[in-house]
Amino acid sequence: MEAVTFHSDETGWAVLKVRNCTSNDSFTATGHLPTIHPGEFFELFGTWAYHPTYGRQFKVDRAVSIKPTTRAAIIRYLSSEQFKGIWL
């Protein structure tokens, strides 16, 4: 996940900017998600939908956290907001 556009602590509703690791395409994902941070990796399950104002979005039914395994993914993860004070 690249960025959290919106997240409600009360309801868990989130709007995310996501990058597909396989195709490198960027897209918007929406749904009720736990607390999430840019740089984390998830496998998202859901359906594509079209919002009349915001366009094509992926509506998330479920998100499964994935541990980073490549060197680049580990560096990105450790450089994320989750780990304040770690600079690479």
PDB file of N, CA and C in Angstrom:
ATOM      1  N   MET A   1       0.822  -1.155   0.000  1.00  0.00           N
ATOM      2  CA  MET A   1       0.000   0.000   0.000  1.00  0.00           C
ATOM      3  C   MET A   1       0.880   1.238   0.000  1.00  0.00           C
ATOM      4  N   GLU A   2       0.525   2.206  -0.823  1.00  0.00           N
ATOM      5  CA  GLU A   2       1.340   3.413  -0.950  1.00  0.00           C
ATOM      6  C   GLU A   2       0.931   4.518   0.014  1.00  0.00           C
ATOM      7  N   ALA A   3      -0.383   4.734   0.163  1.00  0.00           N
ATOM      8  CA  ALA A   3      -0.831   5.850   0.996  1.00  0.00           C
ATOM      9  C   ALA A   3      -2.233   5.597   1.520  1.00  0.00           C
ATOM     10  N   VAL A   4      -2.494   6.139   2.702  1.00  0.00           N
ATOM     11  CA  VAL A   4      -3.832   6.124   3.273  1.00  0.00           C
ATOM     12  C   VAL A   4      -4.450   7.486   2.951  1.00  0.00           C
ATOM     13  N   THR A   5      -5.434   7.509   2.078  1.00  0.00           N
ATOM     14  CA  THR A   5      -6.109   8.750   1.712  1.00  0.00           C
ATOM     15  C   THR A   5      -7.071   9.153   2.817  1.00  0.00           C
ATOM     16  N   PHE A   6      -7.756   8.158   3.411  1.00  0.00           N
ATOM     17  CA  PHE A   6      -8.697   8.411   4.499  1.00  0.00           C
ATOM     18  C   PHE A   6      -8.832   7.149   5.327  1.00  0.00           C
ATOM     19  N   HIS A   7      -8.935   7.298   6.650  1.00  0.00           N
ATOM     20  CA  HIS A   7      -9.224   6.172   7.537  1.00  0.00           C
ATOM     21  C   HIS A   7      -9.986   6.673   8.749  1.00  0.00           C
ATOM     22  N   SER A   8     -11.140   6.074   9.032  1.00  0.00           N
ATOM     23  CA  SER A   8     -11.942   6.433  10.199  1.00  0.00           C
ATOM     24  C   SER A   8     -11.624   5.483  11.344  1.00  0.00           C
ATOM     25  N   ASP A   9     -11.149   6.024  12.458  1.00  0.00           N
ATOM     26  CA  ASP A   9     -10.885   5.194  13.636  1.00  0.00           C
ATOM     27  C   ASP A   9     -12.182   4.628  14.207  1.00  0.00           C
ATOM     28  N   GLU A  10     -13.277   5.349  14.038  1.00  0.00           N
ATOM     29  CA  GLU A  10     -14.568   4.915  14.585  1.00  0.00           C
ATOM     30  C   GLU A  10     -15.162   3.743  13.820  1.00  0.00           C
ATOM     31  N   THR A  11     -15.154   3.825  12.495  1.00  0.00           N
ATOM     32  CA  THR A  11     -15.814   2.792  11.688  1.00  0.00           C
ATOM     33  C   THR A  11     -14.853   1.820  11.015  1.00  0.00           C
ATOM     34  N   GLY A  12     -13.585   2.220  10.872  1.00  0.00           N
ATOM     35  CA  GLY A  12     -12.612   1.391  10.171  1.00  0.00           C
ATOM     36  C   GLY A  12     -12.642   1.568   8.666  1.00  0.00           C
ATOM     37  N   TRP A  13     -13.534   2.451   8.171  1.00  0.00           N
ATOM     38  CA  TRP A  13     -13.626   2.685   6.721  1.00  0.00           C
ATOM     39  C   TRP A  13     -12.343   3.353   6.239  1.00  0.00           C
ATOM     40  N   ALA A  14     -11.812   2.874   5.119  1.00  0.00           N
ATOM     41  CA  ALA A  14     -10.562   3.413   4.600  1.00  0.00           C
ATOM     42  C   ALA A  14     -10.614   3.570   3.091  1.00  0.00           C
ATOM     43  N   VAL A  15      -9.871   4.558   2.624  1.00  0.00           N
ATOM     44  CA  VAL A  15      -9.631   4.765   1.196  1.00  0.00           C
ATOM     45  C   VAL A  15      -8.115   4.745   1.042  1.00  0.00           C
ATOM     46  N   LEU A  16      -7.612   3.844   0.217  1.00  0.00           N
ATOM     47  CA  LEU A  16      -6.170   3.631   0.097  1.00  0.00           C
ATOM     48  C   LEU A  16      -5.694   3.811  -1.340  1.00  0.00           C
ATOM     49  N   LYS A  17      -4.465   4.266  -1.476  1.00  0.00           N
ATOM     50  CA  LYS A  17      -3.783   4.234  -2.774  1.00  0.00           C
ATOM     51  C   LYS A  17      -2.893   3.000  -2.731  1.00  0.00           C
ATOM     52  N   VAL A  18      -3.113   2.099  -3.663  1.00  0.00           N
ATOM     53  CA  VAL A  18      -2.452   0.792  -3.653  1.00  0.00           C
ATOM     54  C   VAL A  18      -1.682   0.603  -4.942  1.00  0.00           C
ATOM     55  N   ARG A  19      -0.537  -0.072  -4.849  1.00  0.00           N
ATOM     56  CA  ARG A  19       0.233  -0.431  -6.042  1.00  0.00           C
ATOM     57  C   ARG A  19       0.271  -1.954  -6.127  1.00  0.00           C
ATOM     58  N   ASN A  20      -0.112  -2.467  -7.280  1.00  0.00           N
ATOM     59  CA  ASN A  20      -0.076  -3.895  -7.538  1.00  0.00           C
ATOM     60  C   ASN A  20       1.373  -4.324  -7.707  1.00  0.00           C
ATOM     61  N   CYS A  21       1.833  -5.254  -6.895  1.00  0.00           N
ATOM     62  CA  CYS A  21       3.235  -5.707  -6.935  1.00  0.00           C
ATOM     63  C   CYS A  21       3.567  -6.434  -8.238  1.00  0.00           C
ATOM     64  N   THR A  22       2.593  -7.043  -8.854  1.00  0.00           N
ATOM     65  CA  THR A  22       2.836  -7.807 -10.070  1.00  0.00           C
ATOM     66  C   THR A  22       2.897  -6.913 -11.299  1.00  0.00           C
ATOM     67  N   SER A  23       1.891  -6.051 -11.458  1.00  0.00           N
ATOM     68  CA  SER A  23       1.814  -5.226 -12.665  1.00  0.00           C
ATOM     69  C   SER A  23       2.374  -3.819 -12.476  1.00  0.00           C
ATOM     70  N   ASN A  24       2.595  -3.423 -11.225  1.00  0.00           N
ATOM     71  CA  ASN A  24       3.082  -2.093 -10.871  1.00  0.00           C
ATOM     72  C   ASN A  24       2.043  -0.991 -11.135  1.00  0.00           C
ATOM     73  N   ASP A  25       0.784  -1.395 -11.393  1.00  0.00           N
ATOM     74  CA  ASP A  25      -0.303  -0.437 -11.587  1.00  0.00           C
ATOM     75  C   ASP A  25      -0.771   0.094 -10.239  1.00  0.00           C
ATOM     76  N   SER A  26      -1.217   1.354 -10.234  1.00  0.00           N
ATOM     77  CA  SER A  26      -1.732   1.997  -9.038  1.00  0.00           C
ATOM     78  C   SER A  26      -3.248   2.063  -9.130  1.00  0.00           C
ATOM     79  N   PHE A  27      -3.942   1.894  -7.995  1.00  0.00           N
ATOM     80  CA  PHE A  27      -5.396   1.986  -7.994  1.00  0.00           C
ATOM     81  C   PHE A  27      -5.889   2.371  -6.600  1.00  0.00           C
ATOM     82  N   THR A  28      -7.168   2.715  -6.525  1.00  0.00           N
ATOM     83  CA  THR A  28      -7.801   3.069  -5.260  1.00  0.00           C
ATOM     84  C   THR A  28      -8.541   1.857  -4.724  1.00  0.00           C
ATOM     85  N   ALA A  29      -8.380   1.597  -3.426  1.00  0.00           N
ATOM     86  CA  ALA A  29      -9.099   0.513  -2.759  1.00  0.00           C
ATOM     87  C   ALA A  29      -9.887   1.111  -1.601  1.00  0.00           C
ATOM     88  N   THR A  30     -11.108   0.615  -1.387  1.00  0.00           N
ATOM     89  CA  THR A  30     -11.949   1.101  -0.297  1.00  0.00           C
ATOM     90  C   THR A  30     -12.516  -0.079   0.476  1.00  0.00           C
ATOM     91  N   GLY A  31     -12.800   0.160   1.754  1.00  0.00           N
ATOM     92  CA  GLY A  31     -13.431  -0.881   2.557  1.00  0.00           C
ATOM     93  C   GLY A  31     -13.165  -0.688   4.034  1.00  0.00           C
ATOM     94  N   HIS A  32     -13.764  -1.558   4.832  1.00  0.00           N
ATOM     95  CA  HIS A  32     -13.539  -1.547   6.272  1.00  0.00           C
ATOM     96  C   HIS A  32     -12.280  -2.356   6.550  1.00  0.00           C
ATOM     97  N   LEU A  33     -11.230  -1.647   6.956  1.00  0.00           N
ATOM     98  CA  LEU A  33      -9.922  -2.271   7.129  1.00  0.00           C
ATOM     99  C   LEU A  33      -9.362  -1.920   8.501  1.00  0.00           C
ATOM    100  N   PRO A  34      -8.525  -2.792   9.050  1.00  0.00           N
ATOM    101  CA  PRO A  34      -7.882  -2.476  10.327  1.00  0.00           C
ATOM    102  C   PRO A  34      -6.918  -1.308  10.163  1.00  0.00           C
ATOM    103  N   THR A  35      -6.336  -0.886  11.241  1.00  0.00           N
ATOM    104  CA  THR A  35      -5.326   0.175  11.161  1.00  0.00           C
ATOM    105  C   THR A  35      -4.216  -0.291  10.228  1.00  0.00           C
ATOM    106  N   ILE A  36      -3.922   0.521   9.246  1.00  0.00           N
ATOM    107  CA  ILE A  36      -2.933   0.174   8.237  1.00  0.00           C
ATOM    108  C   ILE A  36      -1.976   1.338   8.049  1.00  0.00           C
ATOM    109  N   HIS A  37      -0.803   1.024   7.551  1.00  0.00           N
ATOM    110  CA  HIS A  37       0.239   2.027   7.385  1.00  0.00           C
ATOM    111  C   HIS A  37       0.853   1.911   5.998  1.00  0.00           C
ATOM    112  N   PRO A  38       1.216   3.043   5.381  1.00  0.00           N
ATOM    113  CA  PRO A  38       1.912   2.983   4.097  1.00  0.00           C
ATOM    114  C   PRO A  38       3.177   2.128   4.211  1.00  0.00           C
ATOM    115  N   GLY A  39       3.453   1.357   3.194  1.00  0.00           N
ATOM    116  CA  GLY A  39       4.625   0.487   3.197  1.00  0.00           C
ATOM    117  C   GLY A  39       4.296  -0.946   3.557  1.00  0.00           C
ATOM    118  N   GLU A  40       3.108  -1.175   4.145  1.00  0.00           N
ATOM    119  CA  GLU A  40       2.707  -2.542   4.477  1.00  0.00           C
ATOM    120  C   GLU A  40       2.246  -3.254   3.208  1.00  0.00           C
ATOM    121  N   PHE A  41       2.334  -4.571   3.224  1.00  0.00           N
ATOM    122  CA  PHE A  41       1.921  -5.387   2.089  1.00  0.00           C
ATOM    123  C   PHE A  41       0.697  -6.206   2.478  1.00  0.00           C
ATOM    124  N   PHE A  42      -0.304  -6.231   1.574  1.00  0.00           N
ATOM    125  CA  PHE A  42      -1.529  -6.977   1.803  1.00  0.00           C
ATOM    126  C   PHE A  42      -1.933  -7.707   0.544  1.00  0.00           C
ATOM    127  N   GLU A  43      -2.593  -8.840   0.711  1.00  0.00           N
ATOM    128  CA  GLU A  43      -3.309  -9.477  -0.382  1.00  0.00           C
ATOM    129  C   GLU A  43      -4.758  -9.077  -0.183  1.00  0.00           C
ATOM    130  N   LEU A  44      -5.338  -8.422  -1.187  1.00  0.00           N
ATOM    131  CA  LEU A  44      -6.694  -7.903  -1.077  1.00  0.00           C
ATOM    132  C   LEU A  44      -7.669  -8.805  -1.816  1.00  0.00           C
ATOM    133  N   PHE A  45      -8.819  -9.036  -1.207  1.00  0.00           N
ATOM    134  CA  PHE A  45      -9.880  -9.826  -1.808  1.00  0.00           C
ATOM    135  C   PHE A  45     -11.123  -8.953  -1.898  1.00  0.00           C
ATOM    136  N   GLY A  46     -11.791  -8.965  -3.035  1.00  0.00           N
ATOM    137  CA  GLY A  46     -12.980  -8.142  -3.214  1.00  0.00           C
ATOM    138  C   GLY A  46     -13.375  -8.091  -4.674  1.00  0.00           C
ATOM    139  N   THR A  47     -14.019  -6.976  -5.045  1.00  0.00           N
ATOM    140  CA  THR A  47     -14.516  -6.826  -6.407  1.00  0.00           C
ATOM    141  C   THR A  47     -14.236  -5.418  -6.923  1.00  0.00           C
ATOM    142  N   TRP A  48     -14.157  -5.300  -8.236  1.00  0.00           N
ATOM    143  CA  TRP A  48     -14.000  -3.998  -8.861  1.00  0.00           C
ATOM    144  C   TRP A  48     -15.367  -3.346  -8.975  1.00  0.00           C
ATOM    145  N   ALA A  49     -15.415  -2.035  -8.753  1.00  0.00           N
ATOM    146  CA  ALA A  49     -16.661  -1.275  -8.856  1.00  0.00           C
ATOM    147  C   ALA A  49     -16.361   0.076  -9.485  1.00  0.00           C
ATOM    148  N   TYR A  50     -17.409   0.736  -9.937  1.00  0.00           N
ATOM    149  CA  TYR A  50     -17.244   2.067 -10.511  1.00  0.00           C
ATOM    150  C   TYR A  50     -18.030   3.061  -9.666  1.00  0.00           C
ATOM    151  N   HIS A  51     -17.330   4.043  -9.088  1.00  0.00           N
ATOM    152  CA  HIS A  51     -17.952   5.112  -8.313  1.00  0.00           C
ATOM    153  C   HIS A  51     -18.225   6.268  -9.264  1.00  0.00           C
ATOM    154  N   PRO A  52     -19.464   6.853  -9.244  1.00  0.00           N
ATOM    155  CA  PRO A  52     -19.791   7.908 -10.203  1.00  0.00           C
ATOM    156  C   PRO A  52     -18.898   9.148 -10.108  1.00  0.00           C
ATOM    157  N   THR A  53     -18.364   9.446  -8.932  1.00  0.00           N
ATOM    158  CA  THR A  53     -17.503  10.618  -8.776  1.00  0.00           C
ATOM    159  C   THR A  53     -16.023  10.269  -8.885  1.00  0.00           C
ATOM    160  N   TYR A  54     -15.611   9.157  -8.274  1.00  0.00           N
ATOM    161  CA  TYR A  54     -14.191   8.826  -8.154  1.00  0.00           C
ATOM    162  C   TYR A  54     -13.694   7.780  -9.140  1.00  0.00           C
ATOM    163  N   GLY A  55     -14.578   7.201  -9.932  1.00  0.00           N
ATOM    164  CA  GLY A  55     -14.152   6.248 -10.955  1.00  0.00           C
ATOM    165  C   GLY A  55     -13.962   4.829 -10.439  1.00  0.00           C
ATOM    166  N   ARG A  56     -13.122   4.107 -11.130  1.00  0.00           N
ATOM    167  CA  ARG A  56     -12.877   2.684 -10.840  1.00  0.00           C
ATOM    168  C   ARG A  56     -12.171   2.514  -9.498  1.00  0.00           C
ATOM    169  N   GLN A  57     -12.713   1.624  -8.658  1.00  0.00           N
ATOM    170  CA  GLN A  57     -12.148   1.342  -7.334  1.00  0.00           C
ATOM    171  C   GLN A  57     -12.260  -0.153  -7.047  1.00  0.00           C
ATOM    172  N   PHE A  58     -11.367  -0.621  -6.191  1.00  0.00           N
ATOM    173  CA  PHE A  58     -11.441  -2.001  -5.735  1.00  0.00           C
ATOM    174  C   PHE A  58     -12.107  -1.997  -4.366  1.00  0.00           C
ATOM    175  N   LYS A  59     -13.256  -2.662  -4.250  1.00  0.00           N
ATOM    176  CA  LYS A  59     -13.989  -2.724  -2.981  1.00  0.00           C
ATOM    177  C   LYS A  59     -13.487  -3.947  -2.214  1.00  0.00           C
ATOM    178  N   VAL A  60     -12.790  -3.699  -1.115  1.00  0.00           N
ATOM    179  CA  VAL A  60     -12.133  -4.749  -0.352  1.00  0.00           C
ATOM    180  C   VAL A  60     -13.119  -5.436   0.584  1.00  0.00           C
ATOM    181  N   ASP A  61     -13.188  -6.770   0.489  1.00  0.00           N
ATOM    182  CA  ASP A  61     -13.970  -7.574   1.429  1.00  0.00           C
ATOM    183  C   ASP A  61     -13.081  -8.081   2.558  1.00  0.00           C
ATOM    184  N   ARG A  62     -11.818  -8.355   2.198  1.00  0.00           N
ATOM    185  CA  ARG A  62     -10.871  -8.927   3.170  1.00  0.00           C
ATOM    186  C   ARG A  62      -9.457  -8.558   2.762  1.00  0.00           C
ATOM    187  N   ALA A  63      -8.615  -8.282   3.766  1.00  0.00           N
ATOM    188  CA  ALA A  63      -7.199  -7.976   3.533  1.00  0.00           C
ATOM    189  C   ALA A  63      -6.352  -8.870   4.421  1.00  0.00           C
ATOM    190  N   VAL A  64      -5.384  -9.535   3.818  1.00  0.00           N
ATOM    191  CA  VAL A  64      -4.484 -10.427   4.564  1.00  0.00           C
ATOM    192  C   VAL A  64      -3.084  -9.826   4.515  1.00  0.00           C
ATOM    193  N   SER A  65      -2.496  -9.585   5.678  1.00  0.00           N
ATOM    194  CA  SER A  65      -1.156  -9.005   5.763  1.00  0.00           C
ATOM    195  C   SER A  65      -0.126  -9.988   5.232  1.00  0.00           C
ATOM    196  N   ILE A  66       0.818  -9.472   4.466  1.00  0.00           N
ATOM    197  CA  ILE A  66       1.891 -10.294   3.902  1.00  0.00           C
ATOM    198  C   ILE A  66       3.220  -9.749   4.405  1.00  0.00           C
ATOM    199  N   LYS A  67       4.065 -10.630   4.893  1.00  0.00           N
ATOM    200  CA  LYS A  67       5.391 -10.212   5.334  1.00  0.00           C
ATOM    201  C   LYS A  67       6.281  -9.975   4.115  1.00  0.00           C
ATOM    202  N   PRO A  68       7.062  -8.887   4.123  1.00  0.00           N
ATOM    203  CA  PRO A  68       7.960  -8.637   2.986  1.00  0.00           C
ATOM    204  C   PRO A  68       9.064  -9.692   2.944  1.00  0.00           C
ATOM    205  N   THR A  69       9.433 -10.097   1.733  1.00  0.00           N
ATOM    206  CA  THR A  69      10.456 -11.141   1.603  1.00  0.00           C
ATOM    207  C   THR A  69      11.665 -10.711   0.780  1.00  0.00           C
ATOM    208  N   THR A  70      11.490  -9.754  -0.110  1.00  0.00           N
ATOM    209  CA  THR A  70      12.630  -9.321  -0.918  1.00  0.00           C
ATOM    210  C   THR A  70      13.376  -8.204  -0.195  1.00  0.00           C
ATOM    211  N   ARG A  71      14.610  -7.990  -0.598  1.00  0.00           N
ATOM    212  CA  ARG A  71      15.422  -6.936   0.021  1.00  0.00           C
ATOM    213  C   ARG A  71      14.743  -5.579  -0.112  1.00  0.00           C
ATOM    214  N   ALA A  72      14.250  -5.264  -1.324  1.00  0.00           N
ATOM    215  CA  ALA A  72      13.596  -3.973  -1.560  1.00  0.00           C
ATOM    216  C   ALA A  72      12.330  -3.826  -0.717  1.00  0.00           C
ATOM    217  N   ALA A  73      11.563  -4.906  -0.593  1.00  0.00           N
ATOM    218  CA  ALA A  73      10.328  -4.858   0.193  1.00  0.00           C
ATOM    219  C   ALA A  73      10.621  -4.676   1.679  1.00  0.00           C
ATOM    220  N   ILE A  74      11.657  -5.327   2.170  1.00  0.00           N
ATOM    221  CA  ILE A  74      12.035  -5.197   3.583  1.00  0.00           C
ATOM    222  C   ILE A  74      12.514  -3.780   3.862  1.00  0.00           C
ATOM    223  N   ILE A  75      13.310  -3.213   2.971  1.00  0.00           N
ATOM    224  CA  ILE A  75      13.782  -1.832   3.142  1.00  0.00           C
ATOM    225  C   ILE A  75      12.599  -0.870   3.144  1.00  0.00           C
ATOM    226  N   ARG A  76      11.681  -1.044   2.210  1.00  0.00           N
ATOM    227  CA  ARG A  76      10.505  -0.168   2.165  1.00  0.00           C
ATOM    228  C   ARG A  76       9.684  -0.300   3.448  1.00  0.00           C
ATOM    229  N   TYR A  77       9.487  -1.515   3.913  1.00  0.00           N
ATOM    230  CA  TYR A  77       8.706  -1.760   5.135  1.00  0.00           C
ATOM    231  C   TYR A  77       9.362  -1.094   6.345  1.00  0.00           C
ATOM    232  N   LEU A  78      10.670  -1.291   6.510  1.00  0.00           N
ATOM    233  CA  LEU A  78      11.370  -0.720   7.663  1.00  0.00           C
ATOM    234  C   LEU A  78      11.500   0.800   7.559  1.00  0.00           C
ATOM    235  N   SER A  79      11.380   1.344   6.350  1.00  0.00           N
ATOM    236  CA  SER A  79      11.440   2.787   6.147  1.00  0.00           C
ATOM    237  C   SER A  79      10.074   3.453   6.296  1.00  0.00           C
ATOM    238  N   SER A  80       9.039   2.667   6.524  1.00  0.00           N
ATOM    239  CA  SER A  80       7.686   3.204   6.591  1.00  0.00           C
ATOM    240  C   SER A  80       7.454   3.963   7.905  1.00  0.00           C
ATOM    241  N   GLU A  81       6.294   4.600   7.993  1.00  0.00           N
ATOM    242  CA  GLU A  81       5.918   5.375   9.180  1.00  0.00           C
ATOM    243  C   GLU A  81       5.815   4.526  10.435  1.00  0.00           C
ATOM    244  N   GLN A  82       5.685   3.231  10.284  1.00  0.00           N
ATOM    245  CA  GLN A  82       5.550   2.348  11.435  1.00  0.00           C
ATOM    246  C   GLN A  82       6.783   2.361  12.327  1.00  0.00           C
ATOM    247  N   PHE A  83       7.926   2.596  11.750  1.00  0.00           N
ATOM    248  CA  PHE A  83       9.188   2.529  12.485  1.00  0.00           C
ATOM    249  C   PHE A  83       9.836   3.894  12.488  1.00  0.00           C
ATOM    250  N   LYS A  84       9.377   4.749  13.382  1.00  0.00           N
ATOM    251  CA  LYS A  84       9.920   6.101  13.493  1.00  0.00           C
ATOM    252  C   LYS A  84      11.386   6.022  13.899  1.00  0.00           C
ATOM    253  N   GLY A  85      12.216   6.834  13.267  1.00  0.00           N
ATOM    254  CA  GLY A  85      13.625   6.901  13.649  1.00  0.00           C
ATOM    255  C   GLY A  85      14.541   5.985  12.866  1.00  0.00           C
ATOM    256  N   ILE A  86      13.971   5.102  12.031  1.00  0.00           N
ATOM    257  CA  ILE A  86      14.822   4.251  11.193  1.00  0.00           C
ATOM    258  C   ILE A  86      14.924   4.911   9.837  1.00  0.00           C
ATOM    259  N   TRP A  87      16.116   5.291   9.445  1.00  0.00           N
ATOM    260  CA  TRP A  87      16.365   5.929   8.159  1.00  0.00           C
ATOM    261  C   TRP A  87      17.336   5.084   7.366  1.00  0.00           C
ATOM    262  N   LEU A  88      17.008   4.855   6.137  1.00  0.00           N
ATOM    263  CA  LEU A  88      17.894   4.067   5.272  1.00  0.00           C
ATOM    264  C   LEU A  88      18.347   4.887   4.109  1.00  0.00           C
TER     265      LEU A  88
END
